[in-house]
Structure formats: C-alpha cells, structure tokens
Amino acid sequence: MTTLGQTDANGKLDGGRITSTLLTPAARLQALPRHFGPLFTTVENCVYDTMRHLCAAYRGDFWDFYELSNGGFYMVPTGTDHYRLFCPGNGYEGTLSAEATGLAVCAMAYSQLSFWPDGGRIAEDYYRLRDYIATHAAVRQLYDVLD
C-alpha cells in the first residue's frame, strides 16, 4: 500500500497512520542489510525458521518485502493467501492471511533476536512493526498469536 501525504518525525502520515510499501525487486537487495546491518542473514533465517515452527504445512516460499513509513520492515510469504498457524507457546491455533502471517512471524523473530547481544537494532524494528500491527485490520488475531 502506498499512501501519499505529509509524514511527521515518526514516519506517520497525517492522522497518525503508518503505511506499508511493497519493495521492487531492485530495492529488495539492500533492504535487509539496511534494516539489520551485519545480522541481516540471521534475521532472515530466523523468520523462515519461525514460520516452519508455526506452520506445519510450510515448505518454503518466496517472500515479499515491505517497508513501513515509520522506518520498519517486514516480510510476507507468497505461497498461498492464508496460512494455518499453531503456536505451542501460547496455544494459539488459527488461520491468518498471508500478510498477517508475515507480520506475526516477523514480530516473533524480531522479538527473539532483540535479546541477542547486538539486538538493539532488531528491537527498534520490532517496535516499529508492533506500532504497525496495532493499526492492522487483523490486530486482534495478531495479538492472539503474539500473546
């Protein structure tokens, strides 16, 4: 989604709305290093591992990359429109859209990695993503997964 308008210092548009933008193939190449520095491969692999942990049917997919107007970043699997997730840590079981699945999986991965010794940069992206999740149409389901 691309929305035009003036942004404030936090990257929020007029009215406080955070927007997401699908990255072009050329822009994808530098997205992970820009957001996560030298830990970019660790972050990417943790996202994929988290997806495998939550979705028994997941066997790998191409993932779209999105940047947020507040400086955040997330990835969305493209193999199907919906994914069935089970989170053993909190008992959540349900089906989410591909976008909501990507948001949940990225938030979980970022949260886990934020506790690493060099995780401060990842923690910043976690909070940016969390701010976007709070405005997402599937916010209730996302909070259930992330609880």
C-alpha atoms as a PDB file:
ATOM      1  CA  MET A   1       0.000   0.000   0.000  1.00  0.00           C
ATOM      2  CA  THR A   2       1.376   3.398  -0.870  1.00  0.00           C
ATOM      3  CA  THR A   3      -0.320   6.413   0.586  1.00  0.00           C
ATOM      4  CA  LEU A   4       0.580   9.987  -0.258  1.00  0.00           C
ATOM      5  CA  GLY A   5       0.661  12.693   2.360  1.00  0.00           C
ATOM      6  CA  GLN A   6       2.877  14.515   4.799  1.00  0.00           C
ATOM      7  CA  THR A   7       4.698  12.477   7.421  1.00  0.00           C
ATOM      8  CA  ASP A   8       5.675  13.557  10.899  1.00  0.00           C
ATOM      9  CA  ALA A   9       9.037  12.841  12.585  1.00  0.00           C
ATOM     10  CA  ASN A  10       7.922   9.259  13.397  1.00  0.00           C
ATOM     11  CA  GLY A  11       7.066   8.437   9.783  1.00  0.00           C
ATOM     12  CA  LYS A  12       3.342   8.577  10.404  1.00  0.00           C
ATOM     13  CA  LEU A  13       1.108  10.199   7.831  1.00  0.00           C
ATOM     14  CA  ASP A  14      -1.353  12.958   8.551  1.00  0.00           C
ATOM     15  CA  GLY A  15      -3.696  11.442  11.104  1.00  0.00           C
ATOM     16  CA  GLY A  16      -1.035   9.146  12.547  1.00  0.00           C
ATOM     17  CA  ARG A  17      -1.429   6.260  10.086  1.00  0.00           C
ATOM     18  CA  ILE A  18       1.601   4.071   9.315  1.00  0.00           C
ATOM     19  CA  THR A  19       1.662   2.741   5.767  1.00  0.00           C
ATOM     20  CA  SER A  20       3.497  -0.143   4.108  1.00  0.00           C
ATOM     21  CA  THR A  21       5.109  -0.231   0.688  1.00  0.00           C
ATOM     22  CA  LEU A  22       5.942  -3.370  -1.297  1.00  0.00           C
ATOM     23  CA  LEU A  23       9.573  -3.230  -2.377  1.00  0.00           C
ATOM     24  CA  THR A  24      10.529  -3.642  -6.002  1.00  0.00           C
ATOM     25  CA  PRO A  25      12.898  -6.484  -6.932  1.00  0.00           C
ATOM     26  CA  ALA A  26      15.794  -3.996  -7.215  1.00  0.00           C
ATOM     27  CA  ALA A  27      15.047  -2.469  -3.780  1.00  0.00           C
ATOM     28  CA  ARG A  28      14.909  -5.908  -2.115  1.00  0.00           C
ATOM     29  CA  LEU A  29      18.663  -6.407  -2.438  1.00  0.00           C
ATOM     30  CA  GLN A  30      19.587  -3.764   0.112  1.00  0.00           C
ATOM     31  CA  ALA A  31      16.534  -3.897   2.368  1.00  0.00           C
ATOM     32  CA  LEU A  32      17.708  -6.490   4.876  1.00  0.00           C
ATOM     33  CA  PRO A  33      21.256  -5.098   5.251  1.00  0.00           C
ATOM     34  CA  ARG A  34      19.857  -1.563   5.614  1.00  0.00           C
ATOM     35  CA  HIS A  35      17.468  -2.588   8.384  1.00  0.00           C
ATOM     36  CA  PHE A  36      19.557  -5.134  10.258  1.00  0.00           C
ATOM     37  CA  GLY A  37      23.176  -4.462   9.380  1.00  0.00           C
ATOM     38  CA  PRO A  38      25.521  -7.434   9.697  1.00  0.00           C
ATOM     39  CA  LEU A  39      22.756  -9.541  11.306  1.00  0.00           C
ATOM     40  CA  PHE A  40      20.589  -9.456   8.169  1.00  0.00           C
ATOM     41  CA  THR A  41      21.102 -13.134   7.260  1.00  0.00           C
ATOM     42  CA  THR A  42      20.443 -14.145  10.863  1.00  0.00           C
ATOM     43  CA  VAL A  43      17.177 -12.182  10.834  1.00  0.00           C
ATOM     44  CA  GLU A  44      16.069 -13.628   7.505  1.00  0.00           C
ATOM     45  CA  ASN A  45      16.831 -17.195   8.597  1.00  0.00           C
ATOM     46  CA  CYS A  46      15.087 -16.681  11.938  1.00  0.00           C
ATOM     47  CA  VAL A  47      11.941 -15.507  10.109  1.00  0.00           C
ATOM     48  CA  TYR A  48      11.960 -18.661   7.959  1.00  0.00           C
ATOM     49  CA  ASP A  49      12.649 -20.899  10.977  1.00  0.00           C
ATOM     50  CA  THR A  50       9.837 -19.248  12.953  1.00  0.00           C
ATOM     51  CA  MET A  51       7.463 -19.870  10.041  1.00  0.00           C
ATOM     52  CA  ARG A  52       8.453 -23.555   9.936  1.00  0.00           C
ATOM     53  CA  HIS A  53       7.851 -23.768  13.682  1.00  0.00           C
ATOM     54  CA  LEU A  54       4.369 -22.203  13.498  1.00  0.00           C
ATOM     55  CA  CYS A  55       3.059 -23.651  10.223  1.00  0.00           C
ATOM     56  CA  ALA A  56       3.250 -27.430   9.778  1.00  0.00           C
ATOM     57  CA  ALA A  57       2.363 -27.148   6.076  1.00  0.00           C
ATOM     58  CA  TYR A  58       5.110 -24.619   5.300  1.00  0.00           C
ATOM     59  CA  ARG A  59       7.772 -25.987   2.951  1.00  0.00           C
ATOM     60  CA  GLY A  60       9.348 -22.738   1.827  1.00  0.00           C
ATOM     61  CA  ASP A  61       8.009 -19.827  -0.212  1.00  0.00           C
ATOM     62  CA  PHE A  62       9.106 -16.688  -1.939  1.00  0.00           C
ATOM     63  CA  TRP A  63       8.617 -13.778   0.459  1.00  0.00           C
ATOM     64  CA  ASP A  64       7.670 -10.212  -0.476  1.00  0.00           C
ATOM     65  CA  PHE A  65       9.492  -7.437   1.383  1.00  0.00           C
ATOM     66  CA  TYR A  66       7.702  -4.372   2.761  1.00  0.00           C
ATOM     67  CA  GLU A  67       8.965  -1.166   4.313  1.00  0.00           C
ATOM     68  CA  LEU A  68       6.889   0.913   6.697  1.00  0.00           C
ATOM     69  CA  SER A  69       6.549   4.683   6.684  1.00  0.00           C
ATOM     70  CA  ASN A  70       7.872   4.701  10.274  1.00  0.00           C
ATOM     71  CA  GLY A  71      11.145   3.036   9.181  1.00  0.00           C
ATOM     72  CA  GLY A  72      10.098  -0.561   9.912  1.00  0.00           C
ATOM     73  CA  PHE A  73      10.326  -3.646   7.740  1.00  0.00           C
ATOM     74  CA  TYR A  74       8.523  -6.983   7.373  1.00  0.00           C
ATOM     75  CA  MET A  75       8.252  -9.937   5.025  1.00  0.00           C
ATOM     76  CA  VAL A  76       5.190 -11.786   3.684  1.00  0.00           C
ATOM     77  CA  PRO A  77       5.133 -15.367   2.341  1.00  0.00           C
ATOM     78  CA  THR A  78       3.538 -15.661  -1.099  1.00  0.00           C
ATOM     79  CA  GLY A  79       2.793 -19.380  -1.436  1.00  0.00           C
ATOM     80  CA  THR A  80      -0.885 -19.088  -0.566  1.00  0.00           C
ATOM     81  CA  ASP A  81      -3.443 -16.478   0.535  1.00  0.00           C
ATOM     82  CA  HIS A  82      -3.837 -17.934   4.052  1.00  0.00           C
ATOM     83  CA  TYR A  83      -1.755 -19.968   6.484  1.00  0.00           C
ATOM     84  CA  ARG A  84      -2.829 -22.203   9.338  1.00  0.00           C
ATOM     85  CA  LEU A  85      -0.679 -21.473  12.385  1.00  0.00           C
ATOM     86  CA  PHE A  86      -0.238 -23.184  15.718  1.00  0.00           C
ATOM     87  CA  CYS A  87       1.818 -21.540  18.440  1.00  0.00           C
ATOM     88  CA  PRO A  88       2.787 -24.086  21.095  1.00  0.00           C
ATOM     89  CA  GLY A  89       3.979 -21.323  23.430  1.00  0.00           C
ATOM     90  CA  ASN A  90       0.517 -19.836  23.964  1.00  0.00           C
ATOM     91  CA  GLY A  91      -1.860 -22.363  22.392  1.00  0.00           C
ATOM     92  CA  TYR A  92      -2.966 -20.098  19.539  1.00  0.00           C
ATOM     93  CA  GLU A  93      -4.379 -22.005  16.578  1.00  0.00           C
ATOM     94  CA  GLY A  94      -5.979 -20.316  13.609  1.00  0.00           C
ATOM     95  CA  THR A  95      -5.784 -19.213  10.015  1.00  0.00           C
ATOM     96  CA  LEU A  96      -4.331 -15.849   9.030  1.00  0.00           C
ATOM     97  CA  SER A  97      -3.965 -14.034   5.740  1.00  0.00           C
ATOM     98  CA  ALA A  98      -0.517 -14.160   4.185  1.00  0.00           C
ATOM     99  CA  GLU A  99       0.138 -10.572   5.257  1.00  0.00           C
ATOM    100  CA  ALA A 100      -0.967 -11.165   8.845  1.00  0.00           C
ATOM    101  CA  THR A 101       1.128 -14.343   8.912  1.00  0.00           C
ATOM    102  CA  GLY A 102       4.184 -12.379   7.785  1.00  0.00           C
ATOM    103  CA  LEU A 103       3.563  -9.719  10.419  1.00  0.00           C
ATOM    104  CA  ALA A 104       3.202 -12.301  13.194  1.00  0.00           C
ATOM    105  CA  VAL A 105       6.216 -14.345  12.130  1.00  0.00           C
ATOM    106  CA  CYS A 106       8.459 -11.294  11.720  1.00  0.00           C
ATOM    107  CA  ALA A 107       7.376  -9.874  15.088  1.00  0.00           C
ATOM    108  CA  MET A 108       8.154 -13.174  16.801  1.00  0.00           C
ATOM    109  CA  ALA A 109      11.538 -13.472  15.098  1.00  0.00           C
ATOM    110  CA  TYR A 110      12.486  -9.862  15.850  1.00  0.00           C
ATOM    111  CA  SER A 111      11.422 -10.240  19.467  1.00  0.00           C
ATOM    112  CA  GLN A 112      13.538 -13.357  19.895  1.00  0.00           C
ATOM    113  CA  LEU A 113      16.599 -11.779  18.265  1.00  0.00           C
ATOM    114  CA  SER A 114      16.246  -8.500  20.153  1.00  0.00           C
ATOM    115  CA  PHE A 115      17.676 -10.253  23.210  1.00  0.00           C
ATOM    116  CA  TRP A 116      20.942 -11.088  21.454  1.00  0.00           C
ATOM    117  CA  PRO A 117      23.993  -9.026  22.469  1.00  0.00           C
ATOM    118  CA  ASP A 118      23.743  -6.926  19.259  1.00  0.00           C
ATOM    119  CA  GLY A 119      19.943  -6.974  19.180  1.00  0.00           C
ATOM    120  CA  GLY A 120      19.264  -3.282  19.783  1.00  0.00           C
ATOM    121  CA  ARG A 121      18.825  -2.564  16.097  1.00  0.00           C
ATOM    122  CA  ILE A 122      16.423  -5.500  15.774  1.00  0.00           C
ATOM    123  CA  ALA A 123      14.491  -4.314  18.838  1.00  0.00           C
ATOM    124  CA  GLU A 124      13.930  -0.983  17.094  1.00  0.00           C
ATOM    125  CA  ASP A 125      12.404  -2.763  14.096  1.00  0.00           C
ATOM    126  CA  TYR A 126      10.286  -4.886  16.460  1.00  0.00           C
ATOM    127  CA  TYR A 127       8.766  -1.744  17.986  1.00  0.00           C
ATOM    128  CA  ARG A 128       8.182  -0.170  14.577  1.00  0.00           C
ATOM    129  CA  LEU A 129       6.450  -3.355  13.423  1.00  0.00           C
ATOM    130  CA  ARG A 130       4.421  -3.530  16.626  1.00  0.00           C
ATOM    131  CA  ASP A 131       3.188   0.014  16.010  1.00  0.00           C
ATOM    132  CA  TYR A 132       2.010  -1.018  12.539  1.00  0.00           C
ATOM    133  CA  ILE A 133       0.379  -4.200  13.856  1.00  0.00           C
ATOM    134  CA  ALA A 134      -1.636  -2.072  16.298  1.00  0.00           C
ATOM    135  CA  THR A 135      -3.320  -0.400  13.301  1.00  0.00           C
ATOM    136  CA  HIS A 136      -3.756  -3.510  11.135  1.00  0.00           C
ATOM    137  CA  ALA A 137      -7.196  -4.925  10.294  1.00  0.00           C
ATOM    138  CA  ALA A 138      -6.199  -8.304  11.829  1.00  0.00           C
ATOM    139  CA  VAL A 139      -4.893  -6.717  15.050  1.00  0.00           C
ATOM    140  CA  ARG A 140      -6.959  -8.965  17.373  1.00  0.00           C
ATOM    141  CA  GLN A 141      -5.770 -12.177  15.701  1.00  0.00           C
ATOM    142  CA  LEU A 142      -2.206 -10.877  15.627  1.00  0.00           C
ATOM    143  CA  TYR A 143      -2.297 -10.083  19.334  1.00  0.00           C
ATOM    144  CA  ASP A 144      -3.643 -13.595  19.989  1.00  0.00           C
ATOM    145  CA  VAL A 145      -0.690 -15.117  18.115  1.00  0.00           C
ATOM    146  CA  LEU A 146       1.849 -12.830  19.789  1.00  0.00           C
ATOM    147  CA  ASP A 147       0.441 -13.112  23.314  1.00  0.00           C
END
